[in-house]
Amino acid sequence: MKRQKRDRLERAQSKGYQAGLTGKAKECCPYHESDTRAQWLGGWRTAVDDRVSHFGGK
């Protein structure tokens, strides 16, 4: 995989993680392309799981 593509996907995942931590809904995903959208949603899911496990679901 090209570095440029990998960086774009890593950035999408990071942005999704940040969105999940701040409590944004997954419908707020700004990406439409399947690869970047999947990465963003993956980051978002991880953040939501981390938030639930860290704060006990609150």
N, C-alpha and C. Protein backbone atom coordinates (compact mmCIF):
# COMPACT_ATOMS: atom_id res chain seq x y z
N MET A 1 0.85 -1.17 0.00
CA MET A 1 0.00 0.00 0.00
C MET A 1 0.89 1.24 0.00
N LYS A 2 0.51 2.21 -0.78
CA LYS A 2 1.29 3.43 -0.85
C LYS A 2 1.20 4.19 0.46
N ARG A 3 2.30 4.86 0.79
CA ARG A 3 2.34 5.62 2.04
C ARG A 3 1.25 6.68 2.08
N GLN A 4 1.04 7.37 0.96
CA GLN A 4 0.04 8.43 0.93
C GLN A 4 -1.35 7.88 1.27
N LYS A 5 -1.70 6.74 0.71
CA LYS A 5 -3.00 6.13 0.99
C LYS A 5 -3.08 5.69 2.45
N ARG A 6 -2.00 5.10 2.95
CA ARG A 6 -1.98 4.65 4.34
C ARG A 6 -2.15 5.84 5.28
N ASP A 7 -1.46 6.95 5.01
CA ASP A 7 -1.59 8.14 5.85
C ASP A 7 -3.03 8.66 5.86
N ARG A 8 -3.67 8.65 4.70
CA ARG A 8 -5.06 9.12 4.59
C ARG A 8 -5.97 8.23 5.42
N LEU A 9 -5.75 6.93 5.37
CA LEU A 9 -6.59 6.00 6.13
C LEU A 9 -6.32 6.11 7.62
N GLU A 10 -5.06 6.29 7.98
CA GLU A 10 -4.72 6.46 9.40
C GLU A 10 -5.35 7.74 9.95
N ARG A 11 -5.32 8.79 9.14
CA ARG A 11 -5.92 10.06 9.56
C ARG A 11 -7.43 9.91 9.73
N ALA A 12 -8.07 9.18 8.83
CA ALA A 12 -9.52 8.95 8.94
C ALA A 12 -9.84 8.18 10.22
N GLN A 13 -9.04 7.18 10.53
CA GLN A 13 -9.29 6.41 11.75
C GLN A 13 -9.10 7.29 12.99
N SER A 14 -8.07 8.10 12.98
CA SER A 14 -7.81 9.00 14.10
C SER A 14 -8.94 10.00 14.28
N LYS A 15 -9.43 10.55 13.18
CA LYS A 15 -10.55 11.50 13.26
C LYS A 15 -11.82 10.81 13.77
N GLY A 16 -12.03 9.57 13.36
CA GLY A 16 -13.17 8.81 13.85
C GLY A 16 -13.06 8.52 15.33
N TYR A 17 -11.85 8.21 15.77
CA TYR A 17 -11.62 7.95 17.19
C TYR A 17 -11.94 9.21 18.01
N GLN A 18 -11.44 10.34 17.55
CA GLN A 18 -11.71 11.60 18.26
C GLN A 18 -13.21 11.90 18.30
N ALA A 19 -13.90 11.64 17.20
CA ALA A 19 -15.34 11.87 17.15
C ALA A 19 -16.07 10.96 18.15
N GLY A 20 -15.62 9.72 18.23
CA GLY A 20 -16.24 8.78 19.16
C GLY A 20 -16.00 9.17 20.61
N LEU A 21 -14.83 9.68 20.90
CA LEU A 21 -14.53 10.11 22.26
C LEU A 21 -15.37 11.30 22.70
N THR A 22 -15.65 12.16 21.76
CA THR A 22 -16.43 13.35 22.10
C THR A 22 -17.94 13.10 22.06
N GLY A 23 -18.34 11.87 21.71
CA GLY A 23 -19.75 11.52 21.75
C GLY A 23 -20.53 11.80 20.49
N LYS A 24 -19.84 12.06 19.38
CA LYS A 24 -20.55 12.30 18.12
C LYS A 24 -21.15 11.00 17.61
N ALA A 25 -22.26 11.13 16.91
CA ALA A 25 -22.94 9.97 16.32
C ALA A 25 -22.16 9.47 15.10
N LYS A 26 -22.29 8.19 14.83
CA LYS A 26 -21.57 7.64 13.67
C LYS A 26 -22.09 8.20 12.36
N GLU A 27 -23.29 8.75 12.35
CA GLU A 27 -23.84 9.37 11.16
C GLU A 27 -23.10 10.66 10.80
N CYS A 28 -22.26 11.15 11.69
CA CYS A 28 -21.48 12.37 11.45
C CYS A 28 -20.23 12.09 10.61
N CYS A 29 -20.05 10.87 10.18
CA CYS A 29 -18.87 10.51 9.39
C CYS A 29 -18.82 11.38 8.13
N PRO A 30 -17.71 12.10 7.94
CA PRO A 30 -17.62 13.01 6.79
C PRO A 30 -17.17 12.33 5.49
N TYR A 31 -16.83 11.05 5.56
CA TYR A 31 -16.28 10.36 4.39
C TYR A 31 -17.36 9.57 3.65
N HIS A 32 -17.22 9.51 2.34
CA HIS A 32 -18.17 8.77 1.51
C HIS A 32 -17.50 7.60 0.81
N GLU A 33 -16.21 7.68 0.60
CA GLU A 33 -15.47 6.58 -0.03
C GLU A 33 -15.39 5.41 0.95
N SER A 34 -15.58 4.21 0.45
CA SER A 34 -15.74 3.04 1.33
C SER A 34 -14.52 2.79 2.22
N ASP A 35 -13.31 2.91 1.69
CA ASP A 35 -12.11 2.64 2.50
C ASP A 35 -11.97 3.62 3.65
N THR A 36 -12.06 4.90 3.34
CA THR A 36 -11.89 5.91 4.39
C THR A 36 -13.07 5.89 5.37
N ARG A 37 -14.27 5.64 4.85
CA ARG A 37 -15.44 5.56 5.74
C ARG A 37 -15.29 4.39 6.72
N ALA A 38 -14.82 3.27 6.22
CA ALA A 38 -14.62 2.09 7.07
C ALA A 38 -13.58 2.37 8.15
N GLN A 39 -12.52 3.08 7.80
CA GLN A 39 -11.49 3.41 8.78
C GLN A 39 -12.03 4.37 9.83
N TRP A 40 -12.78 5.38 9.39
CA TRP A 40 -13.36 6.34 10.32
C TRP A 40 -14.30 5.63 11.29
N LEU A 41 -15.17 4.77 10.75
CA LEU A 41 -16.11 4.04 11.60
C LEU A 41 -15.40 3.08 12.54
N GLY A 42 -14.31 2.49 12.09
CA GLY A 42 -13.52 1.62 12.96
C GLY A 42 -12.94 2.40 14.13
N GLY A 43 -12.42 3.57 13.86
CA GLY A 43 -11.89 4.43 14.93
C GLY A 43 -13.00 4.87 15.87
N TRP A 44 -14.14 5.19 15.29
CA TRP A 44 -15.29 5.62 16.10
C TRP A 44 -15.74 4.50 17.04
N ARG A 45 -15.84 3.26 16.50
CA ARG A 45 -16.25 2.12 17.33
C ARG A 45 -15.26 1.87 18.47
N THR A 46 -13.98 1.94 18.16
CA THR A 46 -12.96 1.73 19.18
C THR A 46 -13.09 2.76 20.29
N ALA A 47 -13.30 4.01 19.92
CA ALA A 47 -13.44 5.08 20.92
C ALA A 47 -14.68 4.87 21.78
N VAL A 48 -15.78 4.48 21.14
CA VAL A 48 -17.01 4.25 21.90
C VAL A 48 -16.80 3.10 22.89
N ASP A 49 -16.16 2.02 22.43
CA ASP A 49 -15.85 0.90 23.32
C ASP A 49 -14.94 1.33 24.46
N ASP A 50 -13.93 2.12 24.15
CA ASP A 50 -13.01 2.62 25.18
C ASP A 50 -13.74 3.50 26.18
N ARG A 51 -14.61 4.35 25.68
CA ARG A 51 -15.37 5.24 26.55
C ARG A 51 -16.28 4.46 27.47
N VAL A 52 -16.95 3.46 26.94
CA VAL A 52 -17.87 2.65 27.75
C VAL A 52 -17.09 1.87 28.81
N SER A 53 -15.97 1.28 28.44
CA SER A 53 -15.21 0.49 29.41
C SER A 53 -14.52 1.38 30.43
N HIS A 54 -14.11 2.57 30.03
CA HIS A 54 -13.39 3.46 30.95
C HIS A 54 -14.33 4.19 31.91
N PHE A 55 -15.48 4.62 31.39
CA PHE A 55 -16.40 5.39 32.21
C PHE A 55 -17.59 4.58 32.69
N GLY A 56 -17.58 3.29 32.45
CA GLY A 56 -18.65 2.43 32.95
C GLY A 56 -19.99 2.68 32.26
N GLY A 57 -19.93 3.07 30.99
CA GLY A 57 -21.15 3.22 30.24
C GLY A 57 -21.78 4.60 30.32
N LYS A 58 -21.13 5.53 30.97
CA LYS A 58 -21.71 6.88 31.09
C LYS A 58 -21.04 7.83 30.14
